[in-house]
Amino acid sequence: MTIFQNYPLIASICSILFAQFVKFPIALFSKKDGAHVSLVTSTGGMPSSHSAAVSSLITALIIEYGFASPLVAIATTFGVIVMFDAMAVRRQ
């Protein structure tokens, strides 16, 4: 399998890119003072690209290997930690 045939990796990368690029239109329509294009490359904010990546990774692994796979268990544990941390950062 080449890197371009790795469905879970491609799904994660696509979701990171989508989450980053959708930040600008969301900020544009939700803030009165406008939005800056720098939101596309910035960290933090909503939607969380980390949470998007890990949730798409889990979904792709379930599609590819099924619920009973150890890879799904590892990715889900990793995902819970990432999403819990993302929620904690946004509350501060």
Protein backbone atom coordinates (compact mmCIF):
# COMPACT_ATOMS: atom_id res chain seq x y z
CA MET A 1 0.00 0.00 0.00
CA THR A 2 1.38 3.39 -0.96
CA ILE A 3 0.79 6.52 1.04
CA PHE A 4 -1.78 7.68 -1.53
CA GLN A 5 -3.82 4.51 -1.01
CA ASN A 6 -3.93 4.90 2.77
CA TYR A 7 -7.62 5.78 3.20
CA PRO A 8 -7.48 6.69 6.93
CA LEU A 9 -4.52 9.03 6.36
CA ILE A 10 -6.16 10.73 3.38
CA ALA A 11 -9.42 11.13 5.32
CA SER A 12 -7.58 12.73 8.25
CA ILE A 13 -5.62 15.14 6.06
CA CYS A 14 -8.75 16.16 4.14
CA SER A 15 -10.64 16.83 7.37
CA ILE A 16 -7.78 18.95 8.73
CA LEU A 17 -7.74 21.02 5.54
CA PHE A 18 -11.52 21.38 5.54
CA ALA A 19 -11.63 22.42 9.20
CA GLN A 20 -8.89 24.99 8.65
CA PHE A 21 -10.44 26.50 5.52
CA VAL A 22 -13.97 26.67 6.97
CA LYS A 23 -12.75 28.83 9.89
CA PHE A 24 -12.57 31.93 7.70
CA PRO A 25 -16.19 31.92 6.43
CA ILE A 26 -17.48 31.07 9.91
CA ALA A 27 -15.58 34.00 11.42
CA LEU A 28 -16.63 36.26 8.56
CA PHE A 29 -20.33 35.70 9.20
CA SER A 30 -20.23 35.45 12.99
CA LYS A 31 -18.01 38.38 13.98
CA LYS A 32 -18.94 42.00 13.52
CA ASP A 33 -15.37 43.19 13.14
CA GLY A 34 -14.65 40.85 10.22
CA ALA A 35 -12.26 37.99 9.77
CA HIS A 36 -8.66 37.68 8.74
CA VAL A 37 -7.31 35.22 6.19
CA SER A 38 -4.67 34.26 8.77
CA LEU A 39 -7.35 32.13 10.46
CA VAL A 40 -6.68 29.47 7.81
CA THR A 41 -3.20 28.84 9.15
CA SER A 42 -3.80 29.60 12.82
CA THR A 43 -4.24 27.06 15.58
CA GLY A 44 -7.15 27.02 17.96
CA GLY A 45 -10.66 28.24 17.36
CA MET A 46 -13.65 26.39 16.04
CA PRO A 47 -13.84 24.00 14.34
CA SER A 48 -10.95 22.12 15.87
CA SER A 49 -8.76 20.61 13.18
CA HIS A 50 -7.32 18.18 15.73
CA SER A 51 -10.76 16.88 16.65
CA ALA A 52 -11.76 16.73 12.99
CA ALA A 53 -8.66 14.72 12.13
CA VAL A 54 -9.02 12.22 14.92
CA SER A 55 -12.75 11.70 14.38
CA SER A 56 -12.26 11.11 10.65
CA LEU A 57 -9.39 8.76 11.44
CA ILE A 58 -11.62 6.72 13.76
CA THR A 59 -14.42 6.66 11.17
CA ALA A 60 -12.06 5.60 8.37
CA LEU A 61 -10.57 2.84 10.53
CA ILE A 62 -14.05 1.54 11.39
CA ILE A 63 -14.96 1.49 7.69
CA GLU A 64 -11.69 -0.19 6.73
CA TYR A 65 -11.19 -2.68 9.59
CA GLY A 66 -14.47 -2.90 11.53
CA PHE A 67 -15.36 -2.10 15.13
CA ALA A 68 -13.46 -5.08 16.56
CA SER A 69 -10.06 -3.94 15.30
CA PRO A 70 -7.37 -3.05 17.84
CA LEU A 71 -6.52 -0.06 15.64
CA VAL A 72 -10.00 1.33 16.25
CA ALA A 73 -9.56 0.89 20.00
CA ILE A 74 -6.22 2.70 19.96
CA ALA A 75 -7.53 5.52 17.76
CA THR A 76 -10.65 5.91 19.89
CA THR A 77 -8.58 6.21 23.06
CA PHE A 78 -6.36 8.75 21.33
CA GLY A 79 -9.46 10.57 20.07
CA VAL A 80 -11.05 10.84 23.50
CA ILE A 81 -7.85 12.38 24.88
CA VAL A 82 -7.56 14.86 21.99
CA MET A 83 -11.21 15.93 22.16
CA PHE A 84 -11.20 16.20 25.95
CA ASP A 85 -8.11 18.41 25.75
CA ALA A 86 -9.68 20.53 22.99
CA MET A 87 -12.77 21.11 25.15
CA ALA A 88 -10.63 22.03 28.16
CA VAL A 89 -8.64 24.56 26.13
CA ARG A 90 -11.81 26.23 24.84
CA ARG A 91 -13.25 26.58 28.36
CA GLN A 92 -10.23 28.57 29.57
